[in-house]
Amino acid sequence: MQRLSDEQMRSQPADFLAEELRGRVAQALAAFDMMLMFPQAGDDLNDPTTAWPDDRQRVTVGRRTVTEVAPGPGDACDRISFLHWPTPGVEFNDDPTLRARPAPYALSLVKRTLPQ
């Protein structure tokens, strides 16, 4: 991973990361597997920074393939929020990260959907 300096960041157009992603996807599709990892007794369920041992059971439950990246802001994805709380049938544990998500997710949605 290459990090950009503050000066390099300021010299880039606002959507340079999206443009880079478009270029990469044009060369080869990007794919992501969604995996569930199942805890065992003693695994910390409330600290997402704690890595569980590699021997935990894992199951691939889906695959997302990116075939194209829509141009610029204002498209359909701008109106999507990935905040799923509360979700019927799903209970959250005491992980403080889950409880910290609603405010920044809502702010992100508002910033993406309000006229500039």
PDB file of N, CA and C in Angstrom:
ATOM      1  N   MET A   1       0.844  -1.164   0.000  1.00  0.00           N
ATOM      2  CA  MET A   1       0.000   0.000   0.000  1.00  0.00           C
ATOM      3  C   MET A   1       0.895   1.234   0.000  1.00  0.00           C
ATOM      4  N   GLN A   2       0.550   2.179  -0.858  1.00  0.00           N
ATOM      5  CA  GLN A   2       1.304   3.417  -0.938  1.00  0.00           C
ATOM      6  C   GLN A   2       0.502   4.538  -0.306  1.00  0.00           C
ATOM      7  N   ARG A   3       1.120   5.260   0.591  1.00  0.00           N
ATOM      8  CA  ARG A   3       0.454   6.395   1.243  1.00  0.00           C
ATOM      9  C   ARG A   3       0.872   7.675   0.554  1.00  0.00           C
ATOM     10  N   LEU A   4      -0.081   8.596   0.414  1.00  0.00           N
ATOM     11  CA  LEU A   4       0.200   9.888  -0.182  1.00  0.00           C
ATOM     12  C   LEU A   4       0.438  10.916   0.914  1.00  0.00           C
ATOM     13  N   SER A   5       1.352  11.829   0.658  1.00  0.00           N
ATOM     14  CA  SER A   5       1.584  12.919   1.609  1.00  0.00           C
ATOM     15  C   SER A   5       0.405  13.884   1.536  1.00  0.00           C
ATOM     16  N   ASP A   6       0.327  14.784   2.513  1.00  0.00           N
ATOM     17  CA  ASP A   6      -0.735  15.796   2.494  1.00  0.00           C
ATOM     18  C   ASP A   6      -0.651  16.629   1.221  1.00  0.00           C
ATOM     19  N   GLU A   7       0.545  16.964   0.813  1.00  0.00           N
ATOM     20  CA  GLU A   7       0.727  17.760  -0.408  1.00  0.00           C
ATOM     21  C   GLU A   7       0.247  16.986  -1.637  1.00  0.00           C
ATOM     22  N   GLN A   8       0.578  15.704  -1.714  1.00  0.00           N
ATOM     23  CA  GLN A   8       0.111  14.884  -2.830  1.00  0.00           C
ATOM     24  C   GLN A   8      -1.415  14.790  -2.836  1.00  0.00           C
ATOM     25  N   MET A   9      -2.001  14.648  -1.664  1.00  0.00           N
ATOM     26  CA  MET A   9      -3.469  14.573  -1.577  1.00  0.00           C
ATOM     27  C   MET A   9      -4.115  15.856  -2.087  1.00  0.00           C
ATOM     28  N   ARG A  10      -3.567  16.992  -1.708  1.00  0.00           N
ATOM     29  CA  ARG A  10      -4.131  18.283  -2.141  1.00  0.00           C
ATOM     30  C   ARG A  10      -3.999  18.482  -3.641  1.00  0.00           C
ATOM     31  N   SER A  11      -3.010  17.860  -4.262  1.00  0.00           N
ATOM     32  CA  SER A  11      -2.792  18.047  -5.697  1.00  0.00           C
ATOM     33  C   SER A  11      -3.677  17.141  -6.553  1.00  0.00           C
ATOM     34  N   GLN A  12      -4.392  16.237  -5.932  1.00  0.00           N
ATOM     35  CA  GLN A  12      -5.236  15.286  -6.662  1.00  0.00           C
ATOM     36  C   GLN A  12      -6.648  15.833  -6.826  1.00  0.00           C
ATOM     37  N   PRO A  13      -7.337  15.458  -7.924  1.00  0.00           N
ATOM     38  CA  PRO A  13      -8.749  15.833  -8.040  1.00  0.00           C
ATOM     39  C   PRO A  13      -9.569  15.100  -6.977  1.00  0.00           C
ATOM     40  N   ALA A  14     -10.740  15.639  -6.668  1.00  0.00           N
ATOM     41  CA  ALA A  14     -11.569  15.089  -5.588  1.00  0.00           C
ATOM     42  C   ALA A  14     -11.917  13.624  -5.795  1.00  0.00           C
ATOM     43  N   ASP A  15     -12.059  13.191  -7.042  1.00  0.00           N
ATOM     44  CA  ASP A  15     -12.501  11.815  -7.303  1.00  0.00           C
ATOM     45  C   ASP A  15     -11.371  10.911  -7.803  1.00  0.00           C
ATOM     46  N   PHE A  16     -10.108  11.219  -7.433  1.00  0.00           N
ATOM     47  CA  PHE A  16      -8.992  10.449  -7.974  1.00  0.00           C
ATOM     48  C   PHE A  16      -9.032   8.975  -7.579  1.00  0.00           C
ATOM     49  N   LEU A  17      -9.543   8.670  -6.408  1.00  0.00           N
ATOM     50  CA  LEU A  17      -9.612   7.260  -6.010  1.00  0.00           C
ATOM     51  C   LEU A  17     -10.651   6.505  -6.840  1.00  0.00           C
ATOM     52  N   ALA A  18     -11.775   7.142  -7.113  1.00  0.00           N
ATOM     53  CA  ALA A  18     -12.795   6.513  -7.958  1.00  0.00           C
ATOM     54  C   ALA A  18     -12.249   6.294  -9.363  1.00  0.00           C
ATOM     55  N   GLU A  19     -11.514   7.273  -9.880  1.00  0.00           N
ATOM     56  CA  GLU A  19     -10.920   7.123 -11.214  1.00  0.00           C
ATOM     57  C   GLU A  19      -9.913   5.974 -11.236  1.00  0.00           C
ATOM     58  N   GLU A  20      -9.127   5.864 -10.175  1.00  0.00           N
ATOM     59  CA  GLU A  20      -8.171   4.755 -10.110  1.00  0.00           C
ATOM     60  C   GLU A  20      -8.906   3.420 -10.079  1.00  0.00           C
ATOM     61  N   LEU A  21      -9.982   3.350  -9.293  1.00  0.00           N
ATOM     62  CA  LEU A  21     -10.770   2.117  -9.229  1.00  0.00           C
ATOM     63  C   LEU A  21     -11.362   1.787 -10.586  1.00  0.00           C
ATOM     64  N   ARG A  22     -11.887   2.789 -11.305  1.00  0.00           N
ATOM     65  CA  ARG A  22     -12.427   2.546 -12.652  1.00  0.00           C
ATOM     66  C   ARG A  22     -11.360   1.949 -13.561  1.00  0.00           C
ATOM     67  N   GLY A  23     -10.157   2.487 -13.494  1.00  0.00           N
ATOM     68  CA  GLY A  23      -9.069   1.970 -14.313  1.00  0.00           C
ATOM     69  C   GLY A  23      -8.709   0.540 -13.966  1.00  0.00           C
ATOM     70  N   ARG A  24      -8.663   0.251 -12.690  1.00  0.00           N
ATOM     71  CA  ARG A  24      -8.334  -1.120 -12.267  1.00  0.00           C
ATOM     72  C   ARG A  24      -9.403  -2.118 -12.684  1.00  0.00           C
ATOM     73  N   VAL A  25     -10.678  -1.730 -12.520  1.00  0.00           N
ATOM     74  CA  VAL A  25     -11.775  -2.643 -12.879  1.00  0.00           C
ATOM     75  C   VAL A  25     -11.828  -2.842 -14.387  1.00  0.00           C
ATOM     76  N   ALA A  26     -11.450  -1.826 -15.160  1.00  0.00           N
ATOM     77  CA  ALA A  26     -11.412  -1.975 -16.617  1.00  0.00           C
ATOM     78  C   ALA A  26     -10.359  -3.003 -17.030  1.00  0.00           C
ATOM     79  N   GLN A  27      -9.296  -3.141 -16.241  1.00  0.00           N
ATOM     80  CA  GLN A  27      -8.235  -4.098 -16.551  1.00  0.00           C
ATOM     81  C   GLN A  27      -8.552  -5.506 -16.064  1.00  0.00           C
ATOM     82  N   ALA A  28      -9.192  -5.606 -14.907  1.00  0.00           N
ATOM     83  CA  ALA A  28      -9.527  -6.910 -14.332  1.00  0.00           C
ATOM     84  C   ALA A  28     -10.621  -6.709 -13.284  1.00  0.00           C
ATOM     85  N   LEU A  29     -11.578  -7.602 -13.262  1.00  0.00           N
ATOM     86  CA  LEU A  29     -12.674  -7.495 -12.307  1.00  0.00           C
ATOM     87  C   LEU A  29     -12.148  -7.586 -10.878  1.00  0.00           C
ATOM     88  N   ALA A  30     -12.834  -6.925  -9.974  1.00  0.00           N
ATOM     89  CA  ALA A  30     -12.508  -7.006  -8.553  1.00  0.00           C
ATOM     90  C   ALA A  30     -13.562  -7.889  -7.901  1.00  0.00           C
ATOM     91  N   ALA A  31     -13.137  -8.823  -7.092  1.00  0.00           N
ATOM     92  CA  ALA A  31     -14.075  -9.729  -6.442  1.00  0.00           C
ATOM     93  C   ALA A  31     -13.769  -9.812  -4.956  1.00  0.00           C
ATOM     94  N   PHE A  32     -14.826  -9.916  -4.166  1.00  0.00           N
ATOM     95  CA  PHE A  32     -14.706  -9.985  -2.718  1.00  0.00           C
ATOM     96  C   PHE A  32     -15.568 -11.132  -2.224  1.00  0.00           C
ATOM     97  N   ASP A  33     -15.000 -12.001  -1.406  1.00  0.00           N
ATOM     98  CA  ASP A  33     -15.765 -13.078  -0.789  1.00  0.00           C
ATOM     99  C   ASP A  33     -16.257 -12.623   0.568  1.00  0.00           C
ATOM    100  N   MET A  34     -17.526 -12.915   0.868  1.00  0.00           N
ATOM    101  CA  MET A  34     -18.052 -12.653   2.205  1.00  0.00           C
ATOM    102  C   MET A  34     -17.948 -13.955   2.980  1.00  0.00           C
ATOM    103  N   MET A  35     -17.225 -13.879   4.079  1.00  0.00           N
ATOM    104  CA  MET A  35     -17.002 -15.074   4.880  1.00  0.00           C
ATOM    105  C   MET A  35     -17.493 -14.849   6.294  1.00  0.00           C
ATOM    106  N   LEU A  36     -18.066 -15.885   6.855  1.00  0.00           N
ATOM    107  CA  LEU A  36     -18.428 -15.883   8.264  1.00  0.00           C
ATOM    108  C   LEU A  36     -17.368 -16.696   8.995  1.00  0.00           C
ATOM    109  N   MET A  37     -16.951 -16.195  10.137  1.00  0.00           N
ATOM    110  CA  MET A  37     -15.987 -16.894  10.979  1.00  0.00           C
ATOM    111  C   MET A  37     -16.667 -17.132  12.314  1.00  0.00           C
ATOM    112  N   PHE A  38     -16.659 -18.354  12.770  1.00  0.00           N
ATOM    113  CA  PHE A  38     -17.410 -18.729  13.959  1.00  0.00           C
ATOM    114  C   PHE A  38     -16.511 -18.775  15.196  1.00  0.00           C
ATOM    115  N   PRO A  39     -16.919 -18.074  16.250  1.00  0.00           N
ATOM    116  CA  PRO A  39     -16.101 -18.025  17.468  1.00  0.00           C
ATOM    117  C   PRO A  39     -16.186 -19.320  18.258  1.00  0.00           C
ATOM    118  N   GLN A  40     -15.226 -19.472  19.129  1.00  0.00           N
ATOM    119  CA  GLN A  40     -15.231 -20.561  20.100  1.00  0.00           C
ATOM    120  C   GLN A  40     -15.232 -19.929  21.486  1.00  0.00           C
ATOM    121  N   ALA A  41     -15.450 -20.748  22.470  1.00  0.00           N
ATOM    122  CA  ALA A  41     -15.459 -20.267  23.853  1.00  0.00           C
ATOM    123  C   ALA A  41     -14.174 -19.500  24.138  1.00  0.00           C
ATOM    124  N   GLY A  42     -14.324 -18.340  24.758  1.00  0.00           N
ATOM    125  CA  GLY A  42     -13.177 -17.525  25.117  1.00  0.00           C
ATOM    126  C   GLY A  42     -12.816 -16.469  24.078  1.00  0.00           C
ATOM    127  N   ASP A  43     -13.381 -16.555  22.861  1.00  0.00           N
ATOM    128  CA  ASP A  43     -13.099 -15.539  21.846  1.00  0.00           C
ATOM    129  C   ASP A  43     -13.822 -14.249  22.221  1.00  0.00           C
ATOM    130  N   ASP A  44     -13.124 -13.129  22.101  1.00  0.00           N
ATOM    131  CA  ASP A  44     -13.690 -11.830  22.450  1.00  0.00           C
ATOM    132  C   ASP A  44     -14.631 -11.375  21.340  1.00  0.00           C
ATOM    133  N   LEU A  45     -15.926 -11.271  21.653  1.00  0.00           N
ATOM    134  CA  LEU A  45     -16.929 -10.858  20.680  1.00  0.00           C
ATOM    135  C   LEU A  45     -17.153  -9.355  20.664  1.00  0.00           C
ATOM    136  N   ASN A  46     -16.575  -8.646  21.607  1.00  0.00           N
ATOM    137  CA  ASN A  46     -16.852  -7.222  21.751  1.00  0.00           C
ATOM    138  C   ASN A  46     -15.694  -6.308  21.389  1.00  0.00           C
ATOM    139  N   ASP A  47     -14.625  -6.851  20.870  1.00  0.00           N
ATOM    140  CA  ASP A  47     -13.473  -6.041  20.490  1.00  0.00           C
ATOM    141  C   ASP A  47     -13.047  -6.410  19.071  1.00  0.00           C
ATOM    142  N   PRO A  48     -13.451  -5.600  18.079  1.00  0.00           N
ATOM    143  CA  PRO A  48     -13.128  -5.942  16.687  1.00  0.00           C
ATOM    144  C   PRO A  48     -11.645  -5.840  16.365  1.00  0.00           C
ATOM    145  N   THR A  49     -10.830  -5.348  17.275  1.00  0.00           N
ATOM    146  CA  THR A  49      -9.393  -5.271  17.028  1.00  0.00           C
ATOM    147  C   THR A  49      -8.669  -6.539  17.462  1.00  0.00           C
ATOM    148  N   THR A  50      -9.380  -7.445  18.119  1.00  0.00           N
ATOM    149  CA  THR A  50      -8.779  -8.697  18.581  1.00  0.00           C
ATOM    150  C   THR A  50      -8.954  -9.758  17.503  1.00  0.00           C
ATOM    151  N   ALA A  51      -7.856 -10.252  16.976  1.00  0.00           N
ATOM    152  CA  ALA A  51      -7.917 -11.296  15.947  1.00  0.00           C
ATOM    153  C   ALA A  51      -8.124 -12.652  16.612  1.00  0.00           C
ATOM    154  N   TRP A  52      -9.045 -13.420  16.051  1.00  0.00           N
ATOM    155  CA  TRP A  52      -9.241 -14.783  16.526  1.00  0.00           C
ATOM    156  C   TRP A  52      -8.200 -15.688  15.868  1.00  0.00           C
ATOM    157  N   PRO A  53      -7.914 -16.824  16.495  1.00  0.00           N
ATOM    158  CA  PRO A  53      -6.946 -17.759  15.906  1.00  0.00           C
ATOM    159  C   PRO A  53      -7.391 -18.241  14.522  1.00  0.00           C
ATOM    160  N   ASP A  54      -6.433 -18.564  13.679  1.00  0.00           N
ATOM    161  CA  ASP A  54      -6.709 -18.990  12.302  1.00  0.00           C
ATOM    162  C   ASP A  54      -7.466 -20.312  12.203  1.00  0.00           C
ATOM    163  N   ASP A  55      -7.537 -21.075  13.295  1.00  0.00           N
ATOM    164  CA  ASP A  55      -8.192 -22.379  13.208  1.00  0.00           C
ATOM    165  C   ASP A  55      -9.712 -22.309  13.356  1.00  0.00           C
ATOM    166  N   ARG A  56     -10.284 -21.106  13.452  1.00  0.00           N
ATOM    167  CA  ARG A  56     -11.738 -20.977  13.588  1.00  0.00           C
ATOM    168  C   ARG A  56     -12.430 -21.356  12.281  1.00  0.00           C
ATOM    169  N   GLN A  57     -13.583 -22.012  12.414  1.00  0.00           N
ATOM    170  CA  GLN A  57     -14.350 -22.418  11.236  1.00  0.00           C
ATOM    171  C   GLN A  57     -14.762 -21.188  10.437  1.00  0.00           C
ATOM    172  N   ARG A  58     -14.607 -21.275   9.110  1.00  0.00           N
ATOM    173  CA  ARG A  58     -14.997 -20.197   8.200  1.00  0.00           C
ATOM    174  C   ARG A  58     -15.879 -20.785   7.103  1.00  0.00           C
ATOM    175  N   VAL A  59     -16.882 -20.010   6.718  1.00  0.00           N
ATOM    176  CA  VAL A  59     -17.777 -20.427   5.644  1.00  0.00           C
ATOM    177  C   VAL A  59     -17.956 -19.249   4.691  1.00  0.00           C
ATOM    178  N   THR A  60     -17.727 -19.485   3.413  1.00  0.00           N
ATOM    179  CA  THR A  60     -17.972 -18.455   2.410  1.00  0.00           C
ATOM    180  C   THR A  60     -19.462 -18.458   2.102  1.00  0.00           C
ATOM    181  N   VAL A  61     -20.112 -17.305   2.293  1.00  0.00           N
ATOM    182  CA  VAL A  61     -21.558 -17.220   2.112  1.00  0.00           C
ATOM    183  C   VAL A  61     -21.952 -16.389   0.895  1.00  0.00           C
ATOM    184  N   GLY A  62     -20.985 -15.816   0.219  1.00  0.00           N
ATOM    185  CA  GLY A  62     -21.306 -15.034  -0.966  1.00  0.00           C
ATOM    186  C   GLY A  62     -20.061 -14.465  -1.604  1.00  0.00           C
ATOM    187  N   ARG A  63     -20.246 -13.972  -2.817  1.00  0.00           N
ATOM    188  CA  ARG A  63     -19.152 -13.350  -3.557  1.00  0.00           C
ATOM    189  C   ARG A  63     -19.707 -12.137  -4.289  1.00  0.00           C
ATOM    190  N   ARG A  64     -19.048 -11.012  -4.153  1.00  0.00           N
ATOM    191  CA  ARG A  64     -19.424  -9.772  -4.834  1.00  0.00           C
ATOM    192  C   ARG A  64     -18.360  -9.500  -5.887  1.00  0.00           C
ATOM    193  N   THR A  65     -18.792  -9.346  -7.130  1.00  0.00           N
ATOM    194  CA  THR A  65     -17.868  -9.049  -8.219  1.00  0.00           C
ATOM    195  C   THR A  65     -18.189  -7.666  -8.768  1.00  0.00           C
ATOM    196  N   VAL A  66     -17.193  -6.816  -8.836  1.00  0.00           N
ATOM    197  CA  VAL A  66     -17.358  -5.471  -9.376  1.00  0.00           C
ATOM    198  C   VAL A  66     -16.979  -5.523 -10.851  1.00  0.00           C
ATOM    199  N   THR A  67     -17.963  -5.232 -11.713  1.00  0.00           N
ATOM    200  CA  THR A  67     -17.727  -5.282 -13.150  1.00  0.00           C
ATOM    201  C   THR A  67     -17.583  -3.908 -13.774  1.00  0.00           C
ATOM    202  N   GLU A  68     -18.064  -2.880 -13.068  1.00  0.00           N
ATOM    203  CA  GLU A  68     -17.913  -1.512 -13.551  1.00  0.00           C
ATOM    204  C   GLU A  68     -18.104  -0.557 -12.380  1.00  0.00           C
ATOM    205  N   VAL A  69     -17.608   0.645 -12.542  1.00  0.00           N
ATOM    206  CA  VAL A  69     -17.750   1.677 -11.529  1.00  0.00           C
ATOM    207  C   VAL A  69     -18.475   2.848 -12.180  1.00  0.00           C
ATOM    208  N   ALA A  70     -19.622   3.208 -11.623  1.00  0.00           N
ATOM    209  CA  ALA A  70     -20.435   4.286 -12.192  1.00  0.00           C
ATOM    210  C   ALA A  70     -19.668   5.599 -12.166  1.00  0.00           C
ATOM    211  N   PRO A  71     -19.927   6.468 -13.128  1.00  0.00           N
ATOM    212  CA  PRO A  71     -19.229   7.755 -13.161  1.00  0.00           C
ATOM    213  C   PRO A  71     -19.722   8.709 -12.094  1.00  0.00           C
ATOM    214  N   GLY A  72     -18.790   9.402 -11.481  1.00  0.00           N
ATOM    215  CA  GLY A  72     -19.035  10.525 -10.595  1.00  0.00           C
ATOM    216  C   GLY A  72     -20.112  10.426  -9.547  1.00  0.00           C
ATOM    217  N   PRO A  73     -20.186  11.455  -8.704  1.00  0.00           N
ATOM    218  CA  PRO A  73     -21.197  11.497  -7.648  1.00  0.00           C
ATOM    219  C   PRO A  73     -22.588  11.773  -8.221  1.00  0.00           C
ATOM    220  N   GLY A  74     -23.589  11.479  -7.404  1.00  0.00           N
ATOM    221  CA  GLY A  74     -24.959  11.745  -7.820  1.00  0.00           C
ATOM    222  C   GLY A  74     -25.665  10.529  -8.382  1.00  0.00           C
ATOM    223  N   ASP A  75     -24.984   9.403  -8.419  1.00  0.00           N
ATOM    224  CA  ASP A  75     -25.601   8.194  -8.951  1.00  0.00           C
ATOM    225  C   ASP A  75     -26.368   7.453  -7.855  1.00  0.00           C
ATOM    226  N   ALA A  76     -26.917   6.324  -8.222  1.00  0.00           N
ATOM    227  CA  ALA A  76     -27.790   5.570  -7.321  1.00  0.00           C
ATOM    228  C   ALA A  76     -27.133   5.210  -5.993  1.00  0.00           C
ATOM    229  N   CYS A  77     -25.850   4.907  -5.980  1.00  0.00           N
ATOM    230  CA  CYS A  77     -25.183   4.486  -4.744  1.00  0.00           C
ATOM    231  C   CYS A  77     -25.103   5.597  -3.709  1.00  0.00           C
ATOM    232  N   ASP A  78     -25.178   6.847  -4.145  1.00  0.00           N
ATOM    233  CA  ASP A  78     -25.080   7.952  -3.195  1.00  0.00           C
ATOM    234  C   ASP A  78     -26.243   7.957  -2.215  1.00  0.00           C
ATOM    235  N   ARG A  79     -27.353   7.352  -2.570  1.00  0.00           N
ATOM    236  CA  ARG A  79     -28.542   7.367  -1.706  1.00  0.00           C
ATOM    237  C   ARG A  79     -28.634   6.117  -0.827  1.00  0.00           C
ATOM    238  N   ILE A  80     -27.582   5.331  -0.809  1.00  0.00           N
ATOM    239  CA  ILE A  80     -27.592   4.090  -0.030  1.00  0.00           C
ATOM    240  C   ILE A  80     -26.832   4.301   1.272  1.00  0.00           C
ATOM    241  N   SER A  81     -27.411   3.804   2.358  1.00  0.00           N
ATOM    242  CA  SER A  81     -26.711   3.771   3.632  1.00  0.00           C
ATOM    243  C   SER A  81     -26.594   2.314   4.048  1.00  0.00           C
ATOM    244  N   PHE A  82     -25.423   1.925   4.480  1.00  0.00           N
ATOM    245  CA  PHE A  82     -25.205   0.538   4.876  1.00  0.00           C
ATOM    246  C   PHE A  82     -25.391   0.342   6.371  1.00  0.00           C
ATOM    247  N   LEU A  83     -26.204   1.182   6.954  1.00  0.00           N
ATOM    248  CA  LEU A  83     -26.501   1.060   8.373  1.00  0.00           C
ATOM    249  C   LEU A  83     -27.691   0.129   8.541  1.00  0.00           C
ATOM    250  N   HIS A  84     -27.466  -1.003   9.120  1.00  0.00           N
ATOM    251  CA  HIS A  84     -28.525  -1.997   9.295  1.00  0.00           C
ATOM    252  C   HIS A  84     -28.842  -2.166  10.770  1.00  0.00           C
ATOM    253  N   TRP A  85     -29.417  -1.137  11.337  1.00  0.00           N
ATOM    254  CA  TRP A  85     -29.741  -1.223  12.746  1.00  0.00           C
ATOM    255  C   TRP A  85     -31.011  -0.462  13.011  1.00  0.00           C
ATOM    256  N   PRO A  86     -32.005  -0.972  13.601  1.00  0.00           N
ATOM    257  CA  PRO A  86     -32.141  -2.390  13.941  1.00  0.00           C
ATOM    258  C   PRO A  86     -32.571  -3.202  12.726  1.00  0.00           C
ATOM    259  N   THR A  87     -32.227  -4.463  12.740  1.00  0.00           N
ATOM    260  CA  THR A  87     -32.617  -5.385  11.684  1.00  0.00           C
ATOM    261  C   THR A  87     -33.431  -6.493  12.325  1.00  0.00           C
ATOM    262  N   PRO A  88     -34.667  -6.703  11.878  1.00  0.00           N
ATOM    263  CA  PRO A  88     -35.485  -7.767  12.471  1.00  0.00           C
ATOM    264  C   PRO A  88     -34.767  -9.116  12.434  1.00  0.00           C
ATOM    265  N   GLY A  89     -34.741  -9.782  13.562  1.00  0.00           N
ATOM    266  CA  GLY A  89     -34.136 -11.100  13.657  1.00  0.00           C
ATOM    267  C   GLY A  89     -32.646 -11.094  13.939  1.00  0.00           C
ATOM    268  N   VAL A  90     -32.041  -9.913  14.000  1.00  0.00           N
ATOM    269  CA  VAL A  90     -30.606  -9.817  14.258  1.00  0.00           C
ATOM    270  C   VAL A  90     -30.394  -9.041  15.543  1.00  0.00           C
ATOM    271  N   GLU A  91     -29.624  -9.616  16.438  1.00  0.00           N
ATOM    272  CA  GLU A  91     -29.292  -8.940  17.683  1.00  0.00           C
ATOM    273  C   GLU A  91     -27.808  -8.629  17.692  1.00  0.00           C
ATOM    274  N   PHE A  92     -27.452  -7.434  18.133  1.00  0.00           N
ATOM    275  CA  PHE A  92     -26.055  -7.062  18.228  1.00  0.00           C
ATOM    276  C   PHE A  92     -25.511  -7.433  19.595  1.00  0.00           C
ATOM    277  N   ASN A  93     -24.210  -7.704  19.619  1.00  0.00           N
ATOM    278  CA  ASN A  93     -23.560  -7.952  20.904  1.00  0.00           C
ATOM    279  C   ASN A  93     -23.168  -6.605  21.511  1.00  0.00           C
ATOM    280  N   ASP A  94     -22.261  -6.616  22.453  1.00  0.00           N
ATOM    281  CA  ASP A  94     -21.868  -5.384  23.143  1.00  0.00           C
ATOM    282  C   ASP A  94     -20.665  -4.685  22.502  1.00  0.00           C
ATOM    283  N   ASP A  95     -20.334  -5.032  21.268  1.00  0.00           N
ATOM    284  CA  ASP A  95     -19.230  -4.395  20.558  1.00  0.00           C
ATOM    285  C   ASP A  95     -19.526  -2.902  20.426  1.00  0.00           C
ATOM    286  N   PRO A  96     -18.717  -2.034  21.028  1.00  0.00           N
ATOM    287  CA  PRO A  96     -18.995  -0.595  20.970  1.00  0.00           C
ATOM    288  C   PRO A  96     -18.922  -0.028  19.558  1.00  0.00           C
ATOM    289  N   THR A  97     -18.211  -0.701  18.651  1.00  0.00           N
ATOM    290  CA  THR A  97     -18.130  -0.234  17.269  1.00  0.00           C
ATOM    291  C   THR A  97     -19.505  -0.215  16.619  1.00  0.00           C
ATOM    292  N   LEU A  98     -20.316  -1.224  16.897  1.00  0.00           N
ATOM    293  CA  LEU A  98     -21.654  -1.280  16.316  1.00  0.00           C
ATOM    294  C   LEU A  98     -22.510  -0.118  16.797  1.00  0.00           C
ATOM    295  N   ARG A  99     -22.361   0.253  18.038  1.00  0.00           N
ATOM    296  CA  ARG A  99     -23.158   1.345  18.596  1.00  0.00           C
ATOM    297  C   ARG A  99     -22.639   2.722  18.163  1.00  0.00           C
ATOM    298  N   ALA A 100     -21.397   2.781  17.709  1.00  0.00           N
ATOM    299  CA  ALA A 100     -20.828   4.049  17.258  1.00  0.00           C
ATOM    300  C   ALA A 100     -21.171   4.360  15.801  1.00  0.00           C
ATOM    301  N   ARG A 101     -21.671   3.400  15.058  1.00  0.00           N
ATOM    302  CA  ARG A 101     -21.897   3.569  13.625  1.00  0.00           C
ATOM    303  C   ARG A 101     -23.046   4.496  13.225  1.00  0.00           C
ATOM    304  N   PRO A 102     -24.183   4.519  13.896  1.00  0.00           N
ATOM    305  CA  PRO A 102     -25.334   5.271  13.366  1.00  0.00           C
ATOM    306  C   PRO A 102     -25.051   6.726  13.040  1.00  0.00           C
ATOM    307  N   ALA A 103     -24.372   7.456  13.905  1.00  0.00           N
ATOM    308  CA  ALA A 103     -24.161   8.895  13.670  1.00  0.00           C
ATOM    309  C   ALA A 103     -23.296   9.160  12.435  1.00  0.00           C
ATOM    310  N   PRO A 104     -22.109   8.560  12.291  1.00  0.00           N
ATOM    311  CA  PRO A 104     -21.319   8.863  11.101  1.00  0.00           C
ATOM    312  C   PRO A 104     -21.954   8.336   9.815  1.00  0.00           C
ATOM    313  N   TYR A 105     -22.670   7.204   9.882  1.00  0.00           N
ATOM    314  CA  TYR A 105     -23.335   6.697   8.682  1.00  0.00           C
ATOM    315  C   TYR A 105     -24.429   7.662   8.249  1.00  0.00           C
ATOM    316  N   ALA A 106     -25.198   8.178   9.208  1.00  0.00           N
ATOM    317  CA  ALA A 106     -26.257   9.126   8.873  1.00  0.00           C
ATOM    318  C   ALA A 106     -25.661  10.410   8.303  1.00  0.00           C
ATOM    319  N   LEU A 107     -24.579  10.892   8.896  1.00  0.00           N
ATOM    320  CA  LEU A 107     -23.924  12.102   8.409  1.00  0.00           C
ATOM    321  C   LEU A 107     -23.398  11.899   6.986  1.00  0.00           C
ATOM    322  N   SER A 108     -22.809  10.752   6.726  1.00  0.00           N
ATOM    323  CA  SER A 108     -22.316  10.442   5.393  1.00  0.00           C
ATOM    324  C   SER A 108     -23.449  10.460   4.373  1.00  0.00           C
ATOM    325  N   LEU A 109     -24.566   9.861   4.712  1.00  0.00           N
ATOM    326  CA  LEU A 109     -25.717   9.830   3.814  1.00  0.00           C
ATOM    327  C   LEU A 109     -26.218  11.244   3.531  1.00  0.00           C
ATOM    328  N   VAL A 110     -26.321  12.063   4.558  1.00  0.00           N
ATOM    329  CA  VAL A 110     -26.783  13.439   4.384  1.00  0.00           C
ATOM    330  C   VAL A 110     -25.816  14.211   3.480  1.00  0.00           C
ATOM    331  N   LYS A 111     -24.517  14.075   3.714  1.00  0.00           N
ATOM    332  CA  LYS A 111     -23.529  14.800   2.910  1.00  0.00           C
ATOM    333  C   LYS A 111     -23.557  14.358   1.438  1.00  0.00           C
ATOM    334  N   ARG A 112     -23.849  13.081   1.192  1.00  0.00           N
ATOM    335  CA  ARG A 112     -23.886  12.586  -0.181  1.00  0.00           C
ATOM    336  C   ARG A 112     -25.171  12.966  -0.915  1.00  0.00           C
ATOM    337  N   THR A 113     -26.236  13.225  -0.187  1.00  0.00           N
ATOM    338  CA  THR A 113     -27.529  13.444  -0.833  1.00  0.00           C
ATOM    339  C   THR A 113     -27.971  14.890  -0.878  1.00  0.00           C
ATOM    340  N   LEU A 114     -27.360  15.757  -0.078  1.00  0.00           N
ATOM    341  CA  LEU A 114     -27.728  17.167  -0.121  1.00  0.00           C
ATOM    342  C   LEU A 114     -27.073  17.833  -1.332  1.00  0.00           C
ATOM    343  N   PRO A 115     -27.764  18.786  -1.939  1.00  0.00           N
ATOM    344  CA  PRO A 115     -27.140  19.511  -3.062  1.00  0.00           C
ATOM    345  C   PRO A 115     -25.867  20.198  -2.599  1.00  0.00           C
ATOM    346  N   GLN A 116     -24.882  20.189  -3.447  1.00  0.00           N
ATOM    347  CA  GLN A 116     -23.591  20.812  -3.127  1.00  0.00           C
ATOM    348  C   GLN A 116     -23.664  22.311  -3.266  1.00  0.00           C
TER     349      GLN A 116
END
